[in-house]
Amino acid sequence: MPARQRLPTIPAPNALFTSATSTNSQRGSYFVPPTDTMKAVVRKALRATKKSKKEEILKSNGLHGIPHFLWDYRFSDPYAAYSYGTLHSDDLGKWGHHLWPLLLEVLEERGCKGAFAENMREFSWWPGLKHFKEVTTIHFADGQASYDILKCVLPCIVQLMPLNDPLVHCIRSYQRYRLMSGMHCMPMRRLDRLKELIKDYEHWCSRMSEKYGKDFGFFKQHATSHIIADICTKGTSNHGSTRPGEGFQQEAAQAYNRTNFENVTPQMDRIDENQEALARIRMAVDRYDDRRKEDEQEDDMELDETASPGRRAMGMREKEPDLMLRDFIAEHYPADQVTYEECIQIRPYKYAHITYQSLEDWRGVRDIVRCNPSFHGHTRHDSVLVNSDAPGMSFARLYALLRCKLENGRQIDLALVREFKPNKWKPKPRWAGCQLHEEVKGYFLLLMDYVIRGALLNPVPGKGKENLHFFVDTVDADMFLRADQN
């Protein structure tokens, strides 16, 4: 579309509305201008005899006096080509440039910035979710880092903020809006749900403006009003995403800044080759260190060398798991009930692949759940979502992954787990969809057939609440949909 004026009266590139109407994305009158209308505006401005009159015409329509190159192409419409981008409108926009800086400012005023950084350092690990050691002192320029911070921020701030603070609720409403708007499949029921989430987000923006004086009169806030129509026209928001290649663009920019800005191509090639060589060396050293650690741990365990390389110490007397296992088999497989004289071959594992159907796009997805005493230097006992008759969502934590083979040849995959039960304790602001679960003491065996997928439950920060966990439903779209429908 034509280049926009600096500080125009009409800041939106694909709609006519005034800056005053952008505070609430659904308020104010605006319309998407047809190309012929904007052509006429440029022609009218170019015919103006006075420069001030020309500038007034262009500024009132948010244009420069330059014809757009797409106007000369048949069947081309620059206003229809414009797409809502979650990277710049959301991750680096509403969140990265507005809500996130305001949150840091509020935490600093309350003297809680250090506690927040510590909570983020202690946040539970999850595949594909970046772990932040110094989240408050580093400026993150990439959208994925901003999105990852958004996903895990609420459990880390909820006990640091005042009772029922609107900023917490605003962040939660924005979380839900962001996850729903970025889905790869958008049937009508999800569009209807997205409309509800937009209204909820606007409500908490208004409440936050009242308390903190935050001005939401900026274009990226108004752009929220276009996303429903954009999805209906183009399918999903990811069709117009600028996120692919974002990491490469940052690497290229860093390499360019290291050149002398003359004949940069061979210099950037050399920088890229050196970085690739260093990365391969680093990976080789890390793999060697990991193998050494595994060998040392296996030597310390002093277990039978005929066992699986994924063996682990259960921390229980030998008789207890044996009786538990035999009783479990007798209950669930009465035809295969084993006598005390019969042997059961048990092979422990450190991880399991779980295949499930994603609710986001109904495709098959493979999840990895880990049960490892030392995974990259950290103990990993992942939690899982369990298929249960109980109302709501049921969770359990893995403490052993076992494959049992009976003498008759039957093979049974089991997990030694601890159950999570809902807890009535309330954090200061209990946000929409907040679920608290308590890890119950005592182990039981669970058939792996009942494990749906992995789940992230993060311990509640603070002393005396070690067994209480927040369920994090923002790890991906599938988990968000499962939680939203319960």
Protein backbone atom coordinates (compact mmCIF):
# COMPACT_ATOMS: atom_id res chain seq x y z
CA MET A 1 0.00 0.00 0.00
CA PRO A 2 1.18 3.60 -0.39
CA ALA A 3 3.75 4.73 2.13
CA ARG A 4 2.07 6.38 5.10
CA GLN A 5 2.65 9.86 6.34
CA ARG A 6 4.69 10.43 9.47
CA LEU A 7 2.21 10.75 12.38
CA PRO A 8 -0.83 10.51 10.10
CA THR A 9 -4.41 11.07 11.21
CA ILE A 10 -5.13 7.62 9.75
CA PRO A 11 -2.43 5.28 11.15
CA ALA A 12 -3.90 2.00 9.84
CA PRO A 13 -2.47 0.86 6.49
CA ASN A 14 -5.62 -1.01 5.46
CA ALA A 15 -8.50 0.91 7.07
CA LEU A 16 -9.79 4.43 7.46
CA PHE A 17 -10.17 5.32 11.13
CA THR A 18 -8.84 8.01 13.40
CA SER A 19 -6.21 7.58 16.11
CA ALA A 20 -8.80 8.45 18.74
CA THR A 21 -10.80 5.32 17.91
CA SER A 22 -7.86 2.93 18.30
CA THR A 23 -7.94 2.74 22.12
CA ASN A 24 -10.66 0.11 21.95
CA SER A 25 -10.15 -2.11 18.93
CA GLN A 26 -13.89 -2.66 18.40
CA ARG A 27 -15.01 0.96 18.78
CA GLY A 28 -15.03 3.73 16.23
CA SER A 29 -16.09 3.65 12.62
CA TYR A 30 -13.68 2.46 9.98
CA PHE A 31 -13.78 0.72 6.63
CA VAL A 32 -11.31 -0.93 4.28
CA PRO A 33 -10.84 1.51 1.41
CA PRO A 34 -11.11 0.30 -2.18
CA THR A 35 -8.10 0.89 -4.38
CA ASP A 36 -9.99 3.29 -6.67
CA THR A 37 -10.79 5.51 -3.68
CA MET A 38 -7.15 5.80 -2.66
CA LYS A 39 -6.09 6.44 -6.26
CA ALA A 40 -8.53 9.34 -6.34
CA VAL A 41 -7.08 10.71 -3.09
CA VAL A 42 -3.55 10.75 -4.52
CA ARG A 43 -4.74 12.38 -7.77
CA LYS A 44 -6.66 15.01 -5.82
CA ALA A 45 -3.62 15.78 -3.69
CA LEU A 46 -1.33 16.07 -6.70
CA ARG A 47 -3.74 18.55 -8.30
CA ALA A 48 -3.77 20.77 -5.20
CA THR A 49 -2.22 24.19 -5.86
CA LYS A 50 -0.97 24.77 -2.33
CA LYS A 51 1.50 22.54 -0.50
CA SER A 52 -0.40 22.87 2.78
CA LYS A 53 -3.62 21.73 1.11
CA LYS A 54 -1.84 18.79 -0.48
CA GLU A 55 -0.34 17.71 2.86
CA GLU A 56 -3.72 18.04 4.54
CA ILE A 57 -5.38 15.73 2.00
CA LEU A 58 -2.63 13.12 2.23
CA LYS A 59 -2.34 13.22 6.01
CA SER A 60 -6.09 12.83 6.50
CA ASN A 61 -5.87 9.57 4.54
CA GLY A 62 -2.51 8.38 5.87
CA LEU A 63 -0.75 8.58 2.49
CA HIS A 64 2.29 9.96 0.74
CA GLY A 65 1.85 11.43 -2.70
CA ILE A 66 3.36 8.37 -4.37
CA PRO A 67 1.27 6.00 -6.54
CA HIS A 68 1.51 2.40 -5.36
CA PHE A 69 3.25 0.02 -7.78
CA LEU A 70 0.52 -2.65 -7.37
CA TRP A 71 -2.06 -0.26 -8.80
CA ASP A 72 -0.71 -1.03 -12.26
CA TYR A 73 -1.24 -4.80 -11.87
CA ARG A 74 -4.59 -6.32 -12.78
CA PHE A 75 -6.39 -8.20 -10.00
CA SER A 76 -4.04 -6.74 -7.39
CA ASP A 77 -5.26 -4.98 -4.26
CA PRO A 78 -2.63 -3.79 -1.77
CA TYR A 79 -5.26 -3.35 0.95
CA ALA A 80 -6.49 -6.92 0.58
CA ALA A 81 -2.87 -8.14 0.49
CA TYR A 82 -2.18 -6.72 3.93
CA SER A 83 -2.36 -9.49 6.57
CA TYR A 84 -2.45 -9.51 10.33
CA GLY A 85 0.95 -10.62 11.63
CA THR A 86 1.13 -12.23 15.06
CA LEU A 87 4.90 -11.66 15.22
CA HIS A 88 4.87 -7.86 14.94
CA SER A 89 1.31 -7.11 16.07
CA ASP A 90 1.40 -9.42 19.10
CA ASP A 91 4.73 -10.94 20.18
CA LEU A 92 6.80 -7.84 19.43
CA GLY A 93 3.83 -5.46 19.59
CA LYS A 94 1.12 -5.58 22.23
CA TRP A 95 3.20 -7.87 24.44
CA GLY A 96 6.83 -7.07 23.64
CA HIS A 97 6.51 -3.26 23.46
CA HIS A 98 3.62 -2.58 25.83
CA LEU A 99 2.47 -5.18 28.38
CA TRP A 100 5.92 -6.68 29.08
CA PRO A 101 7.70 -3.33 29.73
CA LEU A 102 4.79 -2.23 31.93
CA LEU A 103 5.01 -5.46 33.93
CA LEU A 104 8.75 -4.97 34.53
CA GLU A 105 8.10 -1.39 35.61
CA VAL A 106 5.41 -2.45 38.10
CA LEU A 107 7.58 -5.24 39.52
CA GLU A 108 10.49 -2.84 39.96
CA GLU A 109 8.28 -0.34 41.80
CA ARG A 110 7.15 -3.13 44.14
CA GLY A 111 10.72 -4.34 44.67
CA CYS A 112 9.87 -7.78 43.24
CA LYS A 113 11.94 -7.79 40.07
CA GLY A 114 14.63 -10.05 41.53
CA ALA A 115 12.05 -12.50 42.91
CA PHE A 116 10.39 -12.66 39.50
CA ALA A 117 13.72 -13.40 37.79
CA GLU A 118 14.37 -16.18 40.33
CA ASN A 119 10.91 -17.67 39.71
CA MET A 120 11.62 -17.71 35.97
CA ARG A 121 14.96 -19.44 36.56
CA GLU A 122 13.20 -22.14 38.60
CA PHE A 123 10.40 -22.59 36.06
CA SER A 124 9.92 -26.21 35.00
CA TRP A 125 11.61 -27.35 31.79
CA TRP A 126 9.49 -28.14 28.76
CA PRO A 127 10.44 -29.21 25.20
CA GLY A 128 10.40 -26.26 22.82
CA LEU A 129 9.95 -23.71 25.63
CA LYS A 130 12.97 -21.50 26.17
CA HIS A 131 14.35 -21.41 29.71
CA PHE A 132 15.31 -17.94 30.95
CA LYS A 133 18.10 -17.37 33.45
CA GLU A 134 18.18 -13.55 33.32
CA VAL A 135 14.80 -12.53 31.98
CA THR A 136 14.72 -9.05 33.52
CA THR A 137 18.18 -7.83 32.52
CA ILE A 138 18.32 -8.91 28.86
CA HIS A 139 16.42 -7.25 26.03
CA PHE A 140 14.93 -9.94 23.79
CA ALA A 141 14.62 -8.79 20.19
CA ASP A 142 13.24 -12.02 18.71
CA GLY A 143 9.54 -12.74 18.76
CA GLN A 144 9.86 -16.37 19.84
CA ALA A 145 11.61 -15.41 23.08
CA SER A 146 8.86 -12.87 23.81
CA TYR A 147 6.21 -15.51 23.10
CA ASP A 148 7.92 -18.03 25.39
CA ILE A 149 8.07 -15.46 28.20
CA LEU A 150 4.34 -14.84 27.76
CA LYS A 151 3.60 -18.57 28.05
CA CYS A 152 5.26 -19.00 31.44
CA VAL A 153 4.97 -15.56 33.05
CA LEU A 154 1.77 -15.91 35.11
CA PRO A 155 2.85 -18.55 37.67
CA CYS A 156 5.99 -16.48 38.27
CA ILE A 157 4.26 -13.16 39.02
CA VAL A 158 0.93 -14.08 40.58
CA GLN A 159 2.18 -14.04 44.20
CA LEU A 160 4.19 -10.86 43.64
CA MET A 161 1.28 -8.69 42.50
CA PRO A 162 -1.49 -7.03 44.56
CA LEU A 163 -4.76 -8.84 45.19
CA ASN A 164 -6.84 -9.05 41.99
CA ASP A 165 -4.48 -6.77 40.11
CA PRO A 166 -5.92 -5.99 36.64
CA LEU A 167 -2.48 -6.37 35.02
CA VAL A 168 -2.47 -10.09 35.85
CA HIS A 169 -5.95 -10.53 34.38
CA CYS A 170 -5.01 -8.47 31.33
CA ILE A 171 -1.97 -10.66 30.67
CA ARG A 172 -4.12 -13.78 31.03
CA SER A 173 -6.78 -12.45 28.65
CA TYR A 174 -4.05 -11.57 26.18
CA GLN A 175 -2.52 -15.07 26.53
CA ARG A 176 -5.81 -16.68 25.59
CA TYR A 177 -6.36 -14.28 22.70
CA ARG A 178 -2.83 -14.89 21.37
CA LEU A 179 -3.10 -18.68 21.47
CA MET A 180 -6.53 -18.77 19.86
CA SER A 181 -5.67 -16.26 17.12
CA GLY A 182 -2.52 -18.16 16.14
CA MET A 183 -4.10 -21.57 15.55
CA HIS A 184 -3.55 -23.37 12.26
CA CYS A 185 -7.20 -24.36 11.86
CA MET A 186 -10.04 -21.94 12.59
CA PRO A 187 -13.55 -23.39 12.28
CA MET A 188 -16.49 -21.10 13.08
CA ARG A 189 -16.77 -22.18 16.71
CA ARG A 190 -13.18 -21.07 17.30
CA LEU A 191 -13.87 -17.76 15.58
CA ASP A 192 -16.84 -17.26 17.90
CA ARG A 193 -14.63 -18.09 20.86
CA LEU A 194 -11.99 -15.66 19.60
CA LYS A 195 -14.58 -12.87 19.52
CA GLU A 196 -15.35 -13.57 23.19
CA LEU A 197 -11.66 -13.53 24.09
CA ILE A 198 -11.15 -10.20 22.29
CA LYS A 199 -13.97 -8.64 24.33
CA ASP A 200 -12.45 -9.99 27.54
CA TYR A 201 -9.03 -8.63 26.57
CA GLU A 202 -10.50 -5.18 25.86
CA HIS A 203 -12.31 -5.20 29.20
CA TRP A 204 -9.08 -5.78 31.12
CA CYS A 205 -7.23 -3.24 29.00
CA SER A 206 -9.77 -0.66 30.13
CA ARG A 207 -9.38 -1.72 33.76
CA MET A 208 -5.61 -1.52 33.45
CA SER A 209 -5.81 1.95 31.91
CA GLU A 210 -7.81 3.10 34.92
CA LYS A 211 -5.24 1.82 37.41
CA TYR A 212 -1.92 2.32 35.63
CA GLY A 213 -2.81 5.04 33.13
CA LYS A 214 -1.74 2.84 30.23
CA ASP A 215 -2.69 4.34 26.86
CA PHE A 216 -3.83 1.70 24.37
CA GLY A 217 -4.28 4.20 21.55
CA PHE A 218 -1.83 2.59 19.12
CA PHE A 219 -2.34 0.85 15.80
CA LYS A 220 -1.33 -2.67 16.87
CA GLN A 221 -4.09 -2.56 19.47
CA HIS A 222 -6.60 -1.48 16.82
CA ALA A 223 -5.33 -4.21 14.46
CA THR A 224 -7.05 -6.72 16.74
CA SER A 225 -10.36 -5.62 15.21
CA HIS A 226 -9.18 -6.81 11.77
CA ILE A 227 -8.10 -10.33 12.72
CA ILE A 228 -11.55 -11.96 12.50
CA ALA A 229 -12.14 -10.64 8.97
CA ASP A 230 -8.56 -11.47 8.04
CA ILE A 231 -8.95 -15.09 9.16
CA CYS A 232 -12.29 -15.42 7.35
CA THR A 233 -10.66 -14.12 4.15
CA LYS A 234 -7.32 -15.94 4.28
CA GLY A 235 -7.94 -19.02 6.43
CA THR A 236 -5.60 -18.53 9.39
CA SER A 237 -3.26 -15.86 10.70
CA ASN A 238 -0.17 -18.00 10.08
CA HIS A 239 -0.70 -17.75 6.30
CA GLY A 240 0.56 -14.18 6.51
CA SER A 241 3.13 -14.79 9.22
CA THR A 242 6.54 -13.14 9.04
CA ARG A 243 7.91 -15.52 11.68
CA PRO A 244 9.53 -18.03 9.24
CA GLY A 245 13.12 -16.96 8.70
CA GLU A 246 13.14 -14.57 11.65
CA GLY A 247 16.16 -16.30 13.20
CA PHE A 248 18.09 -16.24 9.92
CA GLN A 249 17.44 -12.53 9.49
CA GLN A 250 18.86 -11.85 12.95
CA GLU A 251 21.97 -13.95 12.24
CA ALA A 252 22.48 -12.17 8.92
CA ALA A 253 22.13 -8.77 10.60
CA GLN A 254 24.68 -9.71 13.26
CA ALA A 255 27.13 -10.94 10.61
CA TYR A 256 26.61 -7.78 8.56
CA ASN A 257 27.36 -5.58 11.57
CA ARG A 258 30.71 -7.37 11.98
CA THR A 259 31.87 -6.41 8.48
CA ASN A 260 33.51 -3.17 7.34
CA PHE A 261 30.36 -2.53 5.22
CA GLU A 262 32.32 -2.81 1.95
CA ASN A 263 32.06 -5.89 -0.27
CA VAL A 264 30.17 -7.59 2.56
CA THR A 265 29.18 -10.88 0.87
CA PRO A 266 32.54 -12.72 1.19
CA GLN A 267 32.98 -11.34 4.71
CA MET A 268 29.55 -12.60 5.80
CA ASP A 269 30.24 -15.99 4.18
CA ARG A 270 33.46 -16.30 6.17
CA ILE A 271 31.72 -15.32 9.41
CA ASP A 272 28.98 -17.90 8.77
CA GLU A 273 31.55 -20.64 8.04
CA ASN A 274 33.43 -19.88 11.27
CA GLN A 275 30.22 -19.91 13.31
CA GLU A 276 29.17 -23.23 11.79
CA ALA A 277 32.57 -24.78 12.56
CA LEU A 278 32.46 -23.53 16.15
CA ALA A 279 28.92 -24.86 16.58
CA ARG A 280 29.95 -28.33 15.36
CA ILE A 281 32.93 -28.37 17.73
CA ARG A 282 30.69 -27.30 20.61
CA MET A 283 28.15 -30.04 19.80
CA ALA A 284 30.88 -32.69 19.67
CA VAL A 285 32.26 -31.60 23.05
CA ASP A 286 28.77 -31.56 24.60
CA ARG A 287 28.02 -35.07 23.31
CA TYR A 288 31.32 -36.32 24.73
CA ASP A 289 30.56 -34.73 28.12
CA ASP A 290 27.08 -36.28 28.15
CA ARG A 291 28.48 -39.76 27.43
CA ARG A 292 31.03 -39.39 30.23
CA LYS A 293 28.33 -38.33 32.69
CA GLU A 294 26.15 -41.31 31.73
CA ASP A 295 29.09 -43.71 32.17
CA GLU A 296 29.92 -42.25 35.59
CA GLN A 297 26.29 -42.50 36.71
CA GLU A 298 26.04 -46.12 35.57
CA ASP A 299 29.23 -46.98 37.47
CA ASP A 300 27.87 -45.35 40.63
CA MET A 301 24.60 -47.28 40.44
CA GLU A 302 26.44 -50.64 40.50
CA LEU A 303 23.54 -52.45 38.89
CA ASP A 304 23.60 -55.71 36.97
CA GLU A 305 25.35 -55.13 33.63
CA THR A 306 22.77 -57.32 31.87
CA ALA A 307 20.07 -54.75 32.56
CA SER A 308 18.95 -52.03 30.17
CA PRO A 309 21.26 -49.01 29.76
CA GLY A 310 18.25 -46.93 30.82
CA ARG A 311 18.14 -48.53 34.31
CA ARG A 312 17.38 -46.55 37.45
CA ALA A 313 17.19 -47.09 41.22
CA MET A 314 13.59 -47.12 42.40
CA GLY A 315 14.30 -46.08 46.02
CA MET A 316 12.03 -48.85 47.36
CA ARG A 317 12.66 -52.26 48.88
CA GLU A 318 12.66 -55.09 46.38
CA LYS A 319 9.58 -56.79 47.80
CA GLU A 320 7.32 -53.74 47.66
CA PRO A 321 7.37 -53.07 43.89
CA ASP A 322 7.21 -56.81 43.22
CA LEU A 323 3.98 -57.21 45.19
CA MET A 324 2.55 -54.00 43.73
CA LEU A 325 3.27 -55.19 40.20
CA ARG A 326 1.83 -58.68 40.69
CA ASP A 327 -1.34 -57.29 42.27
CA PHE A 328 -1.67 -54.80 39.41
CA ILE A 329 -1.36 -57.55 36.77
CA ALA A 330 -3.87 -59.72 38.61
CA GLU A 331 -6.38 -56.83 38.67
CA HIS A 332 -5.99 -55.64 35.07
CA TYR A 333 -5.01 -58.91 33.34
CA PRO A 334 -6.77 -61.69 35.28
CA ALA A 335 -6.15 -64.18 32.47
CA ASP A 336 -2.40 -63.53 32.76
CA GLN A 337 -2.17 -63.60 36.54
CA VAL A 338 1.35 -64.62 37.53
CA THR A 339 2.24 -66.79 40.48
CA TYR A 340 4.94 -65.82 42.95
CA GLU A 341 7.17 -68.50 41.47
CA GLU A 342 7.00 -67.02 37.96
CA CYS A 343 9.46 -64.32 36.94
CA ILE A 344 8.60 -60.96 35.41
CA GLN A 345 11.25 -59.40 33.21
CA ILE A 346 11.34 -55.63 33.87
CA ARG A 347 13.20 -53.13 31.72
CA PRO A 348 13.26 -49.48 32.87
CA TYR A 349 13.43 -46.58 30.41
CA LYS A 350 14.37 -42.93 30.65
CA TYR A 351 11.79 -41.57 28.20
CA ALA A 352 8.75 -42.58 26.19
CA HIS A 353 7.23 -41.43 22.91
CA ILE A 354 3.50 -40.71 23.17
CA THR A 355 1.48 -40.30 19.97
CA TYR A 356 -1.82 -38.44 20.18
CA GLN A 357 -4.20 -36.52 17.94
CA SER A 358 -3.87 -32.76 18.27
CA LEU A 359 -7.11 -30.89 18.83
CA GLU A 360 -5.66 -27.92 16.93
CA ASP A 361 -5.50 -29.48 13.46
CA TRP A 362 -6.42 -33.15 14.15
CA ARG A 363 -3.04 -34.41 12.97
CA GLY A 364 -0.96 -37.01 14.75
CA VAL A 365 1.65 -35.52 17.10
CA ARG A 366 4.47 -37.27 18.94
CA ASP A 367 5.28 -36.12 22.45
CA ILE A 368 8.36 -37.08 24.49
CA VAL A 369 7.96 -37.56 28.24
CA ARG A 370 11.05 -38.07 30.36
CA CYS A 371 11.82 -39.81 33.61
CA ASN A 372 15.53 -39.28 34.08
CA PRO A 373 17.65 -38.70 37.23
CA SER A 374 20.07 -36.54 35.25
CA PHE A 375 18.91 -34.99 31.99
CA HIS A 376 21.45 -32.32 30.98
CA GLY A 377 22.36 -31.92 34.62
CA HIS A 378 18.76 -31.68 35.87
CA THR A 379 16.38 -34.21 37.35
CA ARG A 380 13.43 -34.73 35.01
CA HIS A 381 10.21 -36.30 36.19
CA ASP A 382 7.70 -35.07 33.64
CA SER A 383 3.98 -34.87 34.23
CA VAL A 384 1.35 -36.37 31.94
CA LEU A 385 -2.30 -35.88 31.11
CA VAL A 386 -4.19 -39.05 32.02
CA ASN A 387 -7.39 -40.46 30.53
CA SER A 388 -9.63 -40.69 33.57
CA ASP A 389 -13.32 -40.90 34.49
CA ALA A 390 -12.87 -38.07 36.99
CA PRO A 391 -14.37 -34.68 36.00
CA GLY A 392 -11.98 -32.16 34.53
CA MET A 393 -8.39 -32.92 33.62
CA SER A 394 -6.34 -35.55 35.46
CA PHE A 395 -2.56 -35.44 35.81
CA ALA A 396 0.22 -37.63 37.20
CA ARG A 397 4.00 -37.34 37.57
CA LEU A 398 6.29 -40.05 36.20
CA TYR A 399 8.76 -41.69 38.58
CA ALA A 400 9.56 -44.80 36.54
CA LEU A 401 8.87 -46.04 33.02
CA LEU A 402 8.75 -49.85 32.88
CA ARG A 403 8.28 -52.48 30.20
CA CYS A 404 7.27 -55.78 31.78
CA LYS A 405 7.41 -59.10 29.97
CA LEU A 406 5.57 -62.09 31.43
CA GLU A 407 6.58 -65.70 30.97
CA ASN A 408 3.61 -66.27 28.64
CA GLY A 409 5.03 -63.62 26.29
CA ARG A 410 2.64 -60.73 27.10
CA GLN A 411 4.32 -57.33 27.18
CA ILE A 412 2.94 -54.56 29.41
CA ASP A 413 4.09 -50.93 29.44
CA LEU A 414 3.63 -49.27 32.84
CA ALA A 415 4.54 -46.10 34.68
CA LEU A 416 5.12 -45.65 38.39
CA VAL A 417 3.42 -42.33 39.13
CA ARG A 418 2.15 -39.95 41.75
CA GLU A 419 -1.30 -38.51 41.22
CA PHE A 420 -2.25 -34.83 41.13
CA LYS A 421 -5.52 -33.78 42.74
CA PRO A 422 -7.28 -30.38 42.43
CA ASN A 423 -6.54 -28.02 45.31
CA LYS A 424 -8.76 -25.21 46.61
CA TRP A 425 -5.93 -22.86 47.61
CA LYS A 426 -6.32 -19.52 45.84
CA PRO A 427 -3.47 -17.35 44.61
CA LYS A 428 -3.79 -13.58 45.06
CA PRO A 429 -5.31 -12.98 41.61
CA ARG A 430 -6.92 -16.24 40.48
CA TRP A 431 -6.94 -15.70 36.75
CA ALA A 432 -9.46 -17.14 34.30
CA GLY A 433 -8.84 -20.84 33.77
CA CYS A 434 -6.38 -21.09 36.69
CA GLN A 435 -5.98 -24.69 37.84
CA LEU A 436 -4.09 -25.67 40.99
CA HIS A 437 -3.15 -29.29 41.67
CA GLU A 438 -1.47 -30.97 44.61
CA GLU A 439 0.92 -33.86 44.14
CA VAL A 440 -0.32 -36.64 46.40
CA LYS A 441 2.18 -38.71 48.33
CA GLY A 442 2.17 -42.39 47.51
CA TYR A 443 2.92 -44.24 44.29
CA PHE A 444 0.71 -46.33 42.05
CA LEU A 445 1.08 -48.09 38.72
CA LEU A 446 -0.52 -46.73 35.57
CA LEU A 447 -0.92 -48.38 32.19
CA MET A 448 0.80 -46.29 29.53
CA ASP A 449 -2.30 -46.77 27.37
CA TYR A 450 -4.03 -44.25 29.66
CA VAL A 451 -1.40 -41.55 29.10
CA ILE A 452 -2.74 -39.01 26.60
CA ARG A 453 0.26 -36.66 26.33
CA GLY A 454 2.77 -34.73 28.41
CA ALA A 455 1.62 -31.84 30.61
CA LEU A 456 3.44 -28.97 32.32
CA LEU A 457 2.74 -28.38 36.00
CA ASN A 458 4.94 -25.76 37.63
CA PRO A 459 5.45 -25.63 41.43
CA VAL A 460 3.87 -22.64 43.16
CA PRO A 461 6.73 -20.29 44.13
CA GLY A 462 7.09 -19.79 47.86
CA LYS A 463 7.91 -21.80 50.93
CA GLY A 464 5.41 -24.30 52.26
CA LYS A 465 3.81 -24.96 48.87
CA GLU A 466 6.22 -27.54 47.43
CA ASN A 467 3.42 -29.97 46.52
CA LEU A 468 1.15 -27.32 44.94
CA HIS A 469 1.46 -26.82 41.19
CA PHE A 470 -0.01 -24.48 38.60
CA PHE A 471 -1.23 -26.24 35.47
CA VAL A 472 0.29 -24.37 32.49
CA ASP A 473 -2.19 -24.57 29.61
CA THR A 474 -0.22 -22.23 27.34
CA VAL A 475 2.50 -24.65 26.20
CA ASP A 476 0.77 -25.21 22.86
CA ALA A 477 -2.57 -24.85 21.10
CA ASP A 478 -3.65 -28.45 21.74
CA MET A 479 -3.26 -28.15 25.51
CA PHE A 480 -4.99 -24.77 25.50
CA LEU A 481 -8.01 -26.22 23.68
CA ARG A 482 -8.20 -29.18 26.06
CA ALA A 483 -8.20 -26.82 29.05
CA ASP A 484 -10.57 -24.30 27.47
CA GLN A 485 -13.28 -26.91 26.90
CA ASN A 486 -13.15 -28.14 30.51
